[in-house]
Amino acid sequence: MNQWLDEIVASAVIAAVFLIGYLLVARLGFRFVRRYGETGNRAATLWSMLRRVLVVAICIVALLTILSGVWGLPITPLLGVASVIGVALGFGAQKLVQDVIAGFFILLEDQFRIGSLVSIAGVTGEVQDVRLRVTVLRGGDGSIHYVPNGEVKVATNLTNSRLEPPTESPRP
């Protein structure tokens, strides 16, 4: 009975350490996002994605640490099964992965922002939201279009085209 109590307390301590670590990193991330004014939407979206990945990674590492370190369970078979499942999901979700990677680069390269007038994948409209998997556009007639980011081969940002055309310089 005493051993079970020790293992439960050790598990709780490990979980608390990982939680405190996450909270510290999250606080730094939110400060970073607040510090950037104009690029706030871009920074907030990138931080949102990174925070989700961080939560999953921390939970998995904490669980594996508790299972192997505290409870003494072998995790090698679990890692083998998880690897096979990961490969199967990777092959099955290629389109989803393609959309997410394209969305990450759209955000990273700052190709367009919320409020920009764009033409992508044959659809023209104002960007309502840029997510990792889809870009949400509002067309001129008020309709909402969800464009998967993997379908964005050419993105034309019409907001930037509203600038005055360059003046021609006289030829010598």
Foldseek 3Di string as FASTA:
>chain_A
DVLVVVLVVVLVVLVVVLVVVLVVVVVVLVVVLVVDDPLNQLSVQVSVVVSVVSVVVSVVVSVVCSVCVRVNHDCVVVVVVVVVVVVVVCVVCVLQVLLLVLLNVCSVVVVDDQQWFKAFLNATAGFNDRHSQWTWGQHPVRDIDTHGSSRGPDMGGCRVVPDDDDDDDDDD
